Amino acid sequence: MVFTGFPPQALDFYAGLEADNSKAFWTANKGTWESAARDPMLALLDELEDEFGPATPFRPYRDVRFSADKSPYKTHLGAVAGPTKGVGCYVQLSAEGLLVGGGFHSHGSAQTARYRAAVDAPASGTALEAIVGGLRDKGFAVRGASVKTAPRGFAKDHPRIDLLRMAELMVIREIGTPEWLATPRVVTEVAEAWRAVGPLADWVVEHVGAD
C-alpha cells in the first residue's frame, strides 16, 4: 500500500464524529473512516517501518468502563512506534489535523520512580534537560501527568524541579492542516519529527525502561 496523503474526508469524518459520537454515525460513515483515515495511516506506518520499526495503531473504540464519558469512539486515530511498551514515537490524526511526538507514558509507580531518580542524578538529569530544551526549540510542547509541588523526597528548589514534577514525559508538536497533509510529504515531515524525538526515547529506554 502506497501512502499518498490524508484526504480532506478524514478531517470531515472526525469533525462529524465529534458532533455525533454515536453508533449510528459510526456505522453510516465507517467506510469513510476506513478509506480516508485508517488505510492511509497504515500506509504511512508501513513507509516509516524500515527506519523506526513496526508501529501499532490504536483501536477506534474508547474504554468506557471507568470513565464518566461514555462516548464510544475516539475522536482521533493514533499510532505508536517504539522499542518497549509506552516508549517511542507517536502520530495522530483528528479533525484538528496532524500531531506528532513521543516520549513515554507511565505504566506504574515503579517506572515513575526510576524516571525521577534519573532526573535527579546529575549526569542523566542534565542530559535530559538538554534533550527537552532542544525539543522545545524545535516547536515541541512538553506534556504528561505531573504533580503541582515537589514529589516526596525532592527539594522544591531542585535545579530540575519542573522535570521532577512529571510522572511521565511526552513531547508533542501540533502540525495542524497544512496543504501538504493530503500529499506524500507527510512521510517526510513525520520522519523528521520522529528523528528529533529519538534522543528522548533513547534516554527513556536507558534510564527508565518498561514496566
N, C-alpha and C. Protein backbone atom coordinates (compact mmCIF):
# COMPACT_ATOMS: atom_id res chain seq x y z
N MET A 1 0.84 -1.19 0.00
CA MET A 1 0.00 0.00 0.00
C MET A 1 0.88 1.25 0.00
N VAL A 2 0.67 2.14 -0.93
CA VAL A 2 1.47 3.35 -1.06
C VAL A 2 0.74 4.52 -0.40
N PHE A 3 1.47 5.25 0.43
CA PHE A 3 0.86 6.40 1.11
C PHE A 3 0.83 7.60 0.17
N THR A 4 -0.35 8.19 -0.01
CA THR A 4 -0.49 9.36 -0.88
C THR A 4 -0.95 10.60 -0.13
N GLY A 5 -1.20 10.47 1.17
CA GLY A 5 -1.65 11.60 1.97
C GLY A 5 -2.95 11.30 2.68
N PHE A 6 -3.33 12.19 3.60
CA PHE A 6 -4.62 12.08 4.28
C PHE A 6 -5.61 13.00 3.58
N PRO A 7 -6.65 12.46 2.95
CA PRO A 7 -7.60 13.29 2.22
C PRO A 7 -8.47 14.13 3.16
N PRO A 8 -9.05 15.20 2.65
CA PRO A 8 -9.91 16.07 3.49
C PRO A 8 -11.06 15.31 4.13
N GLN A 9 -11.50 14.23 3.50
CA GLN A 9 -12.61 13.46 4.05
C GLN A 9 -12.29 12.90 5.44
N ALA A 10 -11.00 12.67 5.72
CA ALA A 10 -10.63 12.16 7.05
C ALA A 10 -10.92 13.20 8.12
N LEU A 11 -10.58 14.46 7.85
CA LEU A 11 -10.85 15.53 8.81
C LEU A 11 -12.35 15.75 8.95
N ASP A 12 -13.06 15.67 7.83
CA ASP A 12 -14.52 15.83 7.87
C ASP A 12 -15.16 14.73 8.70
N PHE A 13 -14.62 13.51 8.55
CA PHE A 13 -15.17 12.39 9.33
C PHE A 13 -15.02 12.66 10.82
N TYR A 14 -13.83 13.07 11.25
CA TYR A 14 -13.62 13.27 12.68
C TYR A 14 -14.38 14.48 13.22
N ALA A 15 -14.56 15.50 12.38
CA ALA A 15 -15.40 16.63 12.80
C ALA A 15 -16.83 16.16 13.02
N GLY A 16 -17.31 15.30 12.13
CA GLY A 16 -18.65 14.75 12.28
C GLY A 16 -18.77 13.87 13.50
N LEU A 17 -17.72 13.09 13.78
CA LEU A 17 -17.75 12.20 14.95
C LEU A 17 -17.74 13.00 16.25
N GLU A 18 -17.02 14.13 16.25
CA GLU A 18 -17.05 14.99 17.44
C GLU A 18 -18.45 15.52 17.69
N ALA A 19 -19.18 15.81 16.62
CA ALA A 19 -20.53 16.36 16.76
C ALA A 19 -21.55 15.28 17.10
N ASP A 20 -21.30 14.06 16.64
CA ASP A 20 -22.26 12.96 16.84
C ASP A 20 -21.50 11.67 17.10
N ASN A 21 -21.06 11.50 18.35
CA ASN A 21 -20.28 10.32 18.72
C ASN A 21 -21.25 9.19 19.08
N SER A 22 -21.81 8.59 18.03
CA SER A 22 -22.83 7.57 18.24
C SER A 22 -22.57 6.38 17.32
N LYS A 23 -23.15 5.25 17.68
CA LYS A 23 -23.02 4.07 16.85
C LYS A 23 -23.66 4.29 15.49
N ALA A 24 -24.74 5.06 15.46
CA ALA A 24 -25.42 5.32 14.19
C ALA A 24 -24.51 6.08 13.23
N PHE A 25 -23.83 7.11 13.74
CA PHE A 25 -22.91 7.87 12.89
C PHE A 25 -21.76 6.99 12.44
N TRP A 26 -21.19 6.24 13.37
CA TRP A 26 -20.05 5.39 13.04
C TRP A 26 -20.43 4.36 11.96
N THR A 27 -21.56 3.71 12.14
CA THR A 27 -21.98 2.69 11.17
C THR A 27 -22.19 3.30 9.79
N ALA A 28 -22.81 4.47 9.76
CA ALA A 28 -23.11 5.11 8.47
C ALA A 28 -21.85 5.62 7.77
N ASN A 29 -20.80 5.91 8.54
CA ASN A 29 -19.61 6.54 7.97
C ASN A 29 -18.34 5.71 8.12
N LYS A 30 -18.49 4.46 8.53
CA LYS A 30 -17.31 3.62 8.75
C LYS A 30 -16.48 3.47 7.48
N GLY A 31 -17.12 3.38 6.35
CA GLY A 31 -16.38 3.25 5.09
C GLY A 31 -15.47 4.43 4.83
N THR A 32 -15.93 5.62 5.17
CA THR A 32 -15.09 6.82 5.02
C THR A 32 -13.90 6.76 5.96
N TRP A 33 -14.13 6.34 7.20
CA TRP A 33 -13.03 6.19 8.16
C TRP A 33 -11.99 5.22 7.63
N GLU A 34 -12.45 4.10 7.08
CA GLU A 34 -11.51 3.09 6.59
C GLU A 34 -10.67 3.61 5.43
N SER A 35 -11.32 4.25 4.46
CA SER A 35 -10.61 4.66 3.25
C SER A 35 -9.82 5.96 3.41
N ALA A 36 -10.33 6.87 4.25
CA ALA A 36 -9.71 8.19 4.36
C ALA A 36 -8.77 8.32 5.56
N ALA A 37 -8.96 7.51 6.59
CA ALA A 37 -8.14 7.63 7.80
C ALA A 37 -7.35 6.36 8.09
N ARG A 38 -8.04 5.24 8.29
CA ARG A 38 -7.35 4.01 8.69
C ARG A 38 -6.35 3.52 7.65
N ASP A 39 -6.79 3.38 6.41
CA ASP A 39 -5.90 2.83 5.38
C ASP A 39 -4.71 3.75 5.10
N PRO A 40 -4.90 5.07 4.98
CA PRO A 40 -3.73 5.94 4.82
C PRO A 40 -2.78 5.87 6.02
N MET A 41 -3.32 5.77 7.23
CA MET A 41 -2.45 5.67 8.40
C MET A 41 -1.61 4.40 8.33
N LEU A 42 -2.23 3.29 7.96
CA LEU A 42 -1.48 2.04 7.84
C LEU A 42 -0.40 2.15 6.77
N ALA A 43 -0.71 2.83 5.68
CA ALA A 43 0.27 3.02 4.62
C ALA A 43 1.42 3.91 5.09
N LEU A 44 1.10 4.95 5.85
CA LEU A 44 2.13 5.83 6.40
C LEU A 44 3.06 5.05 7.32
N LEU A 45 2.49 4.27 8.21
CA LEU A 45 3.30 3.49 9.16
C LEU A 45 4.16 2.47 8.43
N ASP A 46 3.64 1.91 7.35
CA ASP A 46 4.40 0.96 6.56
C ASP A 46 5.64 1.62 5.95
N GLU A 47 5.49 2.85 5.48
CA GLU A 47 6.61 3.55 4.88
C GLU A 47 7.64 3.98 5.90
N LEU A 48 7.23 4.15 7.15
CA LEU A 48 8.15 4.56 8.21
C LEU A 48 8.82 3.36 8.89
N GLU A 49 8.35 2.17 8.63
CA GLU A 49 8.79 0.99 9.39
C GLU A 49 10.27 0.68 9.23
N ASP A 50 10.82 0.84 8.04
CA ASP A 50 12.23 0.49 7.84
C ASP A 50 13.15 1.26 8.78
N GLU A 51 12.83 2.52 9.04
CA GLU A 51 13.68 3.34 9.90
C GLU A 51 13.29 3.26 11.36
N PHE A 52 12.00 3.19 11.65
CA PHE A 52 11.54 3.33 13.04
C PHE A 52 10.95 2.05 13.63
N GLY A 53 10.87 1.00 12.84
CA GLY A 53 10.31 -0.24 13.34
C GLY A 53 8.80 -0.28 13.19
N PRO A 54 8.21 -1.44 13.47
CA PRO A 54 6.76 -1.56 13.33
C PRO A 54 6.01 -0.68 14.31
N ALA A 55 4.91 -0.13 13.85
CA ALA A 55 4.08 0.73 14.68
C ALA A 55 2.72 0.09 14.89
N THR A 56 2.10 0.45 16.00
CA THR A 56 0.80 -0.11 16.35
C THR A 56 -0.26 0.99 16.39
N PRO A 57 -1.23 0.94 15.48
CA PRO A 57 -2.33 1.91 15.57
C PRO A 57 -3.29 1.52 16.68
N PHE A 58 -3.83 2.51 17.36
CA PHE A 58 -4.77 2.24 18.45
C PHE A 58 -6.16 1.94 17.89
N ARG A 59 -6.89 1.15 18.64
CA ARG A 59 -8.27 0.84 18.27
C ARG A 59 -9.14 2.09 18.32
N PRO A 60 -10.16 2.17 17.48
CA PRO A 60 -11.00 3.37 17.46
C PRO A 60 -12.02 3.43 18.60
N TYR A 61 -12.11 2.36 19.37
CA TYR A 61 -13.13 2.29 20.41
C TYR A 61 -12.57 2.72 21.76
N ARG A 62 -13.31 3.54 22.48
CA ARG A 62 -12.90 4.00 23.79
C ARG A 62 -13.19 2.95 24.86
N ASP A 63 -12.34 2.88 25.87
CA ASP A 63 -12.60 2.05 27.04
C ASP A 63 -13.40 2.89 28.02
N VAL A 64 -14.69 2.63 28.10
CA VAL A 64 -15.57 3.48 28.90
C VAL A 64 -15.88 2.88 30.27
N ARG A 65 -15.23 1.77 30.61
CA ARG A 65 -15.57 1.07 31.86
C ARG A 65 -15.38 1.94 33.09
N PHE A 66 -14.33 2.77 33.11
CA PHE A 66 -14.04 3.56 34.30
C PHE A 66 -14.10 5.05 34.00
N SER A 67 -14.85 5.43 32.99
CA SER A 67 -14.93 6.83 32.59
C SER A 67 -16.36 7.34 32.70
N ALA A 68 -16.48 8.58 33.15
CA ALA A 68 -17.80 9.20 33.19
C ALA A 68 -18.30 9.51 31.78
N ASP A 69 -17.36 9.71 30.87
CA ASP A 69 -17.69 9.96 29.47
C ASP A 69 -17.93 8.62 28.78
N LYS A 70 -19.14 8.36 28.38
CA LYS A 70 -19.49 7.07 27.78
C LYS A 70 -19.54 7.12 26.25
N SER A 71 -19.02 8.18 25.64
CA SER A 71 -19.00 8.22 24.18
C SER A 71 -18.14 7.05 23.68
N PRO A 72 -18.62 6.30 22.71
CA PRO A 72 -17.99 5.02 22.38
C PRO A 72 -16.74 5.09 21.51
N TYR A 73 -16.52 6.20 20.80
CA TYR A 73 -15.45 6.22 19.80
C TYR A 73 -14.44 7.33 20.07
N LYS A 74 -13.17 7.04 19.81
CA LYS A 74 -12.13 8.05 19.92
C LYS A 74 -12.28 9.04 18.76
N THR A 75 -12.06 10.31 19.05
CA THR A 75 -12.20 11.32 18.01
C THR A 75 -10.85 11.63 17.36
N HIS A 76 -9.97 10.66 17.38
CA HIS A 76 -8.68 10.75 16.69
C HIS A 76 -8.20 9.34 16.39
N LEU A 77 -7.24 9.25 15.50
CA LEU A 77 -6.58 7.98 15.18
C LEU A 77 -5.11 8.14 15.48
N GLY A 78 -4.61 7.38 16.45
CA GLY A 78 -3.22 7.49 16.86
C GLY A 78 -2.47 6.19 16.65
N ALA A 79 -1.15 6.29 16.58
CA ALA A 79 -0.30 5.11 16.45
C ALA A 79 1.03 5.39 17.12
N VAL A 80 1.65 4.34 17.65
CA VAL A 80 2.92 4.49 18.35
C VAL A 80 3.91 3.47 17.82
N ALA A 81 5.15 3.92 17.66
CA ALA A 81 6.26 3.05 17.27
C ALA A 81 7.35 3.19 18.30
N GLY A 82 7.84 2.07 18.84
CA GLY A 82 8.86 2.18 19.86
C GLY A 82 9.40 0.85 20.30
N PRO A 83 10.50 0.88 21.05
CA PRO A 83 11.18 -0.35 21.45
C PRO A 83 10.51 -1.11 22.58
N THR A 84 9.78 -0.41 23.46
CA THR A 84 9.12 -1.07 24.58
C THR A 84 7.75 -0.44 24.79
N LYS A 85 6.95 -1.08 25.61
CA LYS A 85 5.59 -0.61 25.87
C LYS A 85 5.60 0.81 26.44
N GLY A 86 4.82 1.69 25.77
CA GLY A 86 4.67 3.04 26.26
C GLY A 86 5.83 3.97 25.98
N VAL A 87 6.83 3.52 25.23
CA VAL A 87 8.01 4.32 24.93
C VAL A 87 8.20 4.40 23.42
N GLY A 88 8.42 5.61 22.90
CA GLY A 88 8.70 5.72 21.47
C GLY A 88 8.13 6.97 20.85
N CYS A 89 7.70 6.83 19.58
CA CYS A 89 7.21 7.94 18.79
C CYS A 89 5.72 7.80 18.54
N TYR A 90 5.05 8.93 18.33
CA TYR A 90 3.60 8.95 18.23
C TYR A 90 3.17 9.82 17.07
N VAL A 91 2.09 9.42 16.38
CA VAL A 91 1.48 10.23 15.34
C VAL A 91 -0.03 10.13 15.51
N GLN A 92 -0.73 11.23 15.24
CA GLN A 92 -2.18 11.26 15.45
C GLN A 92 -2.86 12.12 14.39
N LEU A 93 -4.03 11.65 13.96
CA LEU A 93 -4.86 12.39 13.03
C LEU A 93 -6.22 12.63 13.66
N SER A 94 -6.73 13.87 13.56
CA SER A 94 -8.04 14.21 14.10
C SER A 94 -8.63 15.32 13.25
N ALA A 95 -9.76 15.86 13.69
CA ALA A 95 -10.36 16.98 12.97
C ALA A 95 -9.45 18.20 12.95
N GLU A 96 -8.55 18.29 13.93
CA GLU A 96 -7.61 19.41 14.00
C GLU A 96 -6.39 19.19 13.11
N GLY A 97 -6.28 18.01 12.52
CA GLY A 97 -5.17 17.72 11.63
C GLY A 97 -4.17 16.76 12.23
N LEU A 98 -2.90 16.99 11.90
CA LEU A 98 -1.83 16.07 12.26
C LEU A 98 -1.11 16.53 13.52
N LEU A 99 -0.72 15.56 14.34
CA LEU A 99 0.03 15.79 15.57
C LEU A 99 1.11 14.73 15.65
N VAL A 100 2.33 15.11 16.04
CA VAL A 100 3.42 14.16 16.16
C VAL A 100 4.12 14.37 17.49
N GLY A 101 4.82 13.35 17.95
CA GLY A 101 5.55 13.48 19.20
C GLY A 101 6.13 12.17 19.65
N GLY A 102 6.31 12.05 20.97
CA GLY A 102 6.86 10.83 21.54
C GLY A 102 7.28 11.04 22.97
N GLY A 103 7.97 10.03 23.51
CA GLY A 103 8.38 10.07 24.90
C GLY A 103 7.96 8.79 25.60
N PHE A 104 7.43 8.93 26.82
CA PHE A 104 6.94 7.72 27.49
C PHE A 104 5.69 8.03 28.32
N HIS A 105 4.79 7.09 28.29
CA HIS A 105 3.57 7.12 29.10
C HIS A 105 3.76 6.14 30.24
N SER A 106 3.69 6.61 31.47
CA SER A 106 3.98 5.77 32.62
C SER A 106 2.94 4.67 32.81
N HIS A 107 3.43 3.47 33.12
CA HIS A 107 2.54 2.34 33.38
C HIS A 107 2.64 1.85 34.82
N GLY A 108 3.16 2.70 35.70
CA GLY A 108 3.21 2.28 37.09
C GLY A 108 4.13 3.15 37.93
N SER A 109 3.97 3.06 39.24
CA SER A 109 4.74 3.90 40.16
C SER A 109 6.23 3.56 40.12
N ALA A 110 6.57 2.31 39.88
CA ALA A 110 7.98 1.93 39.82
C ALA A 110 8.67 2.61 38.63
N GLN A 111 7.98 2.69 37.53
CA GLN A 111 8.54 3.34 36.35
C GLN A 111 8.73 4.84 36.61
N THR A 112 7.74 5.45 37.21
CA THR A 112 7.86 6.87 37.56
C THR A 112 9.00 7.10 38.54
N ALA A 113 9.18 6.19 39.49
CA ALA A 113 10.27 6.34 40.46
C ALA A 113 11.63 6.26 39.76
N ARG A 114 11.77 5.37 38.79
CA ARG A 114 13.03 5.28 38.05
C ARG A 114 13.27 6.55 37.23
N TYR A 115 12.22 7.07 36.65
CA TYR A 115 12.33 8.31 35.89
C TYR A 115 12.83 9.44 36.79
N ARG A 116 12.22 9.61 37.94
CA ARG A 116 12.60 10.71 38.82
C ARG A 116 14.01 10.54 39.37
N ALA A 117 14.40 9.30 39.64
CA ALA A 117 15.77 9.06 40.10
C ALA A 117 16.77 9.46 39.02
N ALA A 118 16.44 9.20 37.76
CA ALA A 118 17.34 9.56 36.66
C ALA A 118 17.37 11.06 36.45
N VAL A 119 16.24 11.73 36.65
CA VAL A 119 16.21 13.20 36.55
C VAL A 119 17.04 13.81 37.67
N ASP A 120 16.98 13.21 38.84
CA ASP A 120 17.71 13.72 40.00
C ASP A 120 19.22 13.56 39.84
N ALA A 121 19.65 12.46 39.24
CA ALA A 121 21.09 12.20 39.07
C ALA A 121 21.70 13.25 38.15
N PRO A 122 22.83 13.84 38.54
CA PRO A 122 23.38 14.95 37.76
C PRO A 122 23.63 14.64 36.28
N ALA A 123 24.27 13.52 35.99
CA ALA A 123 24.63 13.24 34.59
C ALA A 123 23.40 12.98 33.72
N SER A 124 22.56 12.04 34.13
CA SER A 124 21.38 11.71 33.33
C SER A 124 20.36 12.83 33.36
N GLY A 125 20.24 13.51 34.48
CA GLY A 125 19.29 14.62 34.58
C GLY A 125 19.66 15.79 33.69
N THR A 126 20.95 16.13 33.68
CA THR A 126 21.42 17.22 32.82
C THR A 126 21.25 16.86 31.35
N ALA A 127 21.50 15.59 31.03
CA ALA A 127 21.32 15.13 29.64
C ALA A 127 19.86 15.28 29.21
N LEU A 128 18.93 14.88 30.07
CA LEU A 128 17.51 15.01 29.73
C LEU A 128 17.12 16.46 29.59
N GLU A 129 17.61 17.31 30.47
CA GLU A 129 17.30 18.73 30.40
C GLU A 129 17.71 19.32 29.05
N ALA A 130 18.87 18.90 28.56
CA ALA A 130 19.35 19.39 27.26
C ALA A 130 18.48 18.86 26.13
N ILE A 131 18.08 17.59 26.21
CA ILE A 131 17.22 16.99 25.18
C ILE A 131 15.88 17.72 25.10
N VAL A 132 15.27 17.91 26.25
CA VAL A 132 13.96 18.57 26.29
C VAL A 132 14.07 20.02 25.83
N GLY A 133 15.12 20.70 26.23
CA GLY A 133 15.31 22.07 25.78
C GLY A 133 15.44 22.16 24.27
N GLY A 134 16.18 21.22 23.68
CA GLY A 134 16.32 21.20 22.24
C GLY A 134 15.01 20.93 21.53
N LEU A 135 14.18 20.06 22.10
CA LEU A 135 12.88 19.76 21.50
C LEU A 135 11.94 20.96 21.60
N ARG A 136 12.00 21.67 22.70
CA ARG A 136 11.19 22.90 22.82
C ARG A 136 11.60 23.90 21.73
N ASP A 137 12.89 24.00 21.49
CA ASP A 137 13.38 24.92 20.46
C ASP A 137 12.87 24.52 19.07
N LYS A 138 12.55 23.25 18.89
CA LYS A 138 12.06 22.76 17.60
C LYS A 138 10.53 22.76 17.52
N GLY A 139 9.88 23.37 18.50
CA GLY A 139 8.43 23.52 18.44
C GLY A 139 7.63 22.47 19.15
N PHE A 140 8.27 21.64 19.95
CA PHE A 140 7.54 20.63 20.72
C PHE A 140 7.14 21.19 22.08
N ALA A 141 5.95 20.81 22.52
CA ALA A 141 5.47 21.17 23.86
C ALA A 141 5.57 19.94 24.76
N VAL A 142 5.87 20.17 26.03
CA VAL A 142 6.01 19.07 26.99
C VAL A 142 4.65 18.76 27.59
N ARG A 143 4.30 17.50 27.57
CA ARG A 143 3.02 17.05 28.12
C ARG A 143 3.25 15.87 29.08
N GLY A 144 2.21 15.56 29.86
CA GLY A 144 2.27 14.39 30.72
C GLY A 144 1.74 14.68 32.11
N ALA A 145 1.30 13.65 32.79
CA ALA A 145 0.80 13.79 34.15
C ALA A 145 1.91 14.31 35.06
N SER A 146 1.53 15.17 35.99
CA SER A 146 2.52 15.74 36.90
C SER A 146 1.86 16.10 38.22
N VAL A 147 2.70 16.41 39.20
CA VAL A 147 2.20 16.89 40.49
C VAL A 147 2.45 18.39 40.58
N LYS A 148 1.70 19.06 41.43
CA LYS A 148 1.78 20.52 41.49
C LYS A 148 2.98 21.01 42.28
N THR A 149 3.43 20.21 43.23
CA THR A 149 4.58 20.61 44.05
C THR A 149 5.69 19.57 43.85
N ALA A 150 6.75 19.71 44.65
CA ALA A 150 7.86 18.76 44.54
C ALA A 150 7.40 17.37 44.99
N PRO A 151 7.78 16.33 44.25
CA PRO A 151 7.45 14.97 44.71
C PRO A 151 8.12 14.68 46.06
N ARG A 152 7.56 13.76 46.80
CA ARG A 152 8.10 13.42 48.11
C ARG A 152 9.57 12.99 47.99
N GLY A 153 10.39 13.56 48.82
CA GLY A 153 11.81 13.20 48.83
C GLY A 153 12.69 14.12 48.01
N PHE A 154 12.11 15.10 47.32
CA PHE A 154 12.88 16.02 46.49
C PHE A 154 12.66 17.46 46.95
N ALA A 155 13.71 18.24 46.88
CA ALA A 155 13.63 19.63 47.32
C ALA A 155 12.86 20.48 46.32
N LYS A 156 12.13 21.47 46.83
CA LYS A 156 11.35 22.34 45.97
C LYS A 156 12.24 23.22 45.09
N ASP A 157 13.48 23.43 45.50
CA ASP A 157 14.38 24.25 44.71
C ASP A 157 15.37 23.41 43.90
N HIS A 158 15.01 22.17 43.64
CA HIS A 158 15.86 21.30 42.81
C HIS A 158 16.06 21.97 41.46
N PRO A 159 17.26 21.92 40.89
CA PRO A 159 17.51 22.61 39.61
C PRO A 159 16.68 22.09 38.44
N ARG A 160 16.14 20.87 38.58
CA ARG A 160 15.31 20.30 37.51
C ARG A 160 13.91 19.98 38.04
N ILE A 161 13.40 20.86 38.89
CA ILE A 161 12.13 20.58 39.56
C ILE A 161 10.98 20.41 38.57
N ASP A 162 10.99 21.16 37.47
CA ASP A 162 9.89 21.03 36.51
C ASP A 162 9.84 19.62 35.92
N LEU A 163 10.99 19.05 35.62
CA LEU A 163 11.03 17.68 35.10
C LEU A 163 10.72 16.66 36.20
N LEU A 164 11.13 16.96 37.43
CA LEU A 164 10.86 16.04 38.54
C LEU A 164 9.37 15.95 38.84
N ARG A 165 8.64 17.03 38.61
CA ARG A 165 7.21 17.00 38.88
C ARG A 165 6.47 16.05 37.93
N MET A 166 7.06 15.79 36.78
CA MET A 166 6.40 14.93 35.81
C MET A 166 6.40 13.48 36.29
N ALA A 167 5.27 12.80 36.10
CA ALA A 167 5.21 11.37 36.37
C ALA A 167 5.48 10.57 35.10
N GLU A 168 5.39 11.24 33.98
CA GLU A 168 5.67 10.69 32.65
C GLU A 168 6.07 11.87 31.78
N LEU A 169 6.67 11.60 30.65
CA LEU A 169 7.19 12.70 29.85
C LEU A 169 6.94 12.46 28.37
N MET A 170 6.14 13.34 27.78
CA MET A 170 5.87 13.27 26.35
C MET A 170 6.07 14.65 25.75
N VAL A 171 6.48 14.68 24.49
CA VAL A 171 6.59 15.94 23.76
C VAL A 171 5.70 15.86 22.53
N ILE A 172 5.03 16.96 22.24
CA ILE A 172 4.03 16.99 21.17
C ILE A 172 4.25 18.22 20.29
N ARG A 173 4.16 18.00 18.99
CA ARG A 173 4.14 19.12 18.04
C ARG A 173 2.84 19.06 17.25
N GLU A 174 2.04 20.10 17.38
CA GLU A 174 0.77 20.16 16.66
C GLU A 174 1.01 20.78 15.29
N ILE A 175 0.90 19.96 14.26
CA ILE A 175 1.17 20.42 12.89
C ILE A 175 -0.08 21.02 12.26
N GLY A 176 -1.24 20.47 12.57
CA GLY A 176 -2.48 21.03 12.05
C GLY A 176 -2.82 20.53 10.66
N THR A 177 -3.27 21.44 9.81
CA THR A 177 -3.78 21.05 8.49
C THR A 177 -3.07 21.81 7.37
N PRO A 178 -1.77 21.65 7.22
CA PRO A 178 -1.07 22.30 6.11
C PRO A 178 -1.53 21.72 4.77
N GLU A 179 -1.25 22.44 3.71
CA GLU A 179 -1.68 21.98 2.39
C GLU A 179 -1.11 20.61 2.04
N TRP A 180 0.07 20.30 2.55
CA TRP A 180 0.70 19.03 2.21
C TRP A 180 0.14 17.83 2.98
N LEU A 181 -0.86 18.05 3.83
CA LEU A 181 -1.44 16.93 4.57
C LEU A 181 -2.04 15.88 3.63
N ALA A 182 -2.49 16.30 2.48
CA ALA A 182 -3.10 15.38 1.52
C ALA A 182 -2.08 14.88 0.49
N THR A 183 -0.78 15.00 0.81
CA THR A 183 0.26 14.59 -0.12
C THR A 183 1.25 13.64 0.56
N PRO A 184 2.11 12.99 -0.22
CA PRO A 184 3.12 12.09 0.37
C PRO A 184 4.13 12.79 1.26
N ARG A 185 4.17 14.11 1.24
CA ARG A 185 5.12 14.85 2.06
C ARG A 185 4.95 14.52 3.55
N VAL A 186 3.79 14.04 3.94
CA VAL A 186 3.54 13.68 5.33
C VAL A 186 4.62 12.71 5.83
N VAL A 187 5.03 11.78 4.98
CA VAL A 187 6.05 10.80 5.38
C VAL A 187 7.33 11.51 5.81
N THR A 188 7.78 12.47 5.01
CA THR A 188 9.00 13.20 5.32
C THR A 188 8.87 14.01 6.61
N GLU A 189 7.72 14.66 6.78
CA GLU A 189 7.51 15.50 7.97
C GLU A 189 7.45 14.67 9.25
N VAL A 190 6.74 13.56 9.21
CA VAL A 190 6.64 12.70 10.40
C VAL A 190 8.00 12.09 10.72
N ALA A 191 8.71 11.64 9.70
CA ALA A 191 10.03 11.05 9.92
C ALA A 191 10.99 12.07 10.55
N GLU A 192 10.95 13.31 10.07
CA GLU A 192 11.81 14.35 10.64
C GLU A 192 11.48 14.58 12.11
N ALA A 193 10.20 14.62 12.43
CA ALA A 193 9.80 14.83 13.83
C ALA A 193 10.20 13.65 14.69
N TRP A 194 10.03 12.44 14.19
CA TRP A 194 10.39 11.26 14.96
C TRP A 194 11.90 11.18 15.19
N ARG A 195 12.68 11.61 14.21
CA ARG A 195 14.13 11.63 14.42
C ARG A 195 14.49 12.60 15.54
N ALA A 196 13.78 13.72 15.61
CA ALA A 196 14.03 14.70 16.68
C ALA A 196 13.69 14.12 18.05
N VAL A 197 12.65 13.28 18.10
CA VAL A 197 12.21 12.68 19.36
C VAL A 197 13.12 11.51 19.75
N GLY A 198 13.87 10.98 18.81
CA GLY A 198 14.69 9.79 19.06
C GLY A 198 15.57 9.86 20.29
N PRO A 199 16.32 10.95 20.51
CA PRO A 199 17.17 11.01 21.71
C PRO A 199 16.38 10.93 23.02
N LEU A 200 15.17 11.47 23.03
CA LEU A 200 14.34 11.36 24.23
C LEU A 200 13.93 9.91 24.46
N ALA A 201 13.49 9.23 23.41
CA ALA A 201 13.11 7.82 23.54
C ALA A 201 14.30 6.97 23.98
N ASP A 202 15.49 7.26 23.43
CA ASP A 202 16.69 6.51 23.82
C ASP A 202 17.01 6.74 25.29
N TRP A 203 16.84 7.99 25.76
CA TRP A 203 17.11 8.29 27.17
C TRP A 203 16.15 7.49 28.05
N VAL A 204 14.89 7.45 27.66
CA VAL A 204 13.90 6.72 28.46
C VAL A 204 14.23 5.24 28.50
N VAL A 205 14.59 4.66 27.37
CA VAL A 205 14.95 3.23 27.33
C VAL A 205 16.12 2.95 28.27
N GLU A 206 17.11 3.82 28.25
CA GLU A 206 18.32 3.59 29.07
C GLU A 206 18.06 3.78 30.55
N HIS A 207 17.29 4.78 30.91
CA HIS A 207 17.18 5.17 32.33
C HIS A 207 15.87 4.80 33.00
N VAL A 208 14.83 4.54 32.21
CA VAL A 208 13.52 4.26 32.80
C VAL A 208 13.07 2.85 32.51
N GLY A 209 13.11 2.46 31.24
CA GLY A 209 12.69 1.12 30.86
C GLY A 209 11.19 0.96 30.86
N ALA A 210 10.74 -0.26 30.67
CA ALA A 210 9.31 -0.56 30.62
C ALA A 210 8.78 -0.73 32.03
N ASP A 211 7.67 -1.44 32.14
CA ASP A 211 7.01 -1.60 33.45
C ASP A 211 7.97 -2.14 34.51
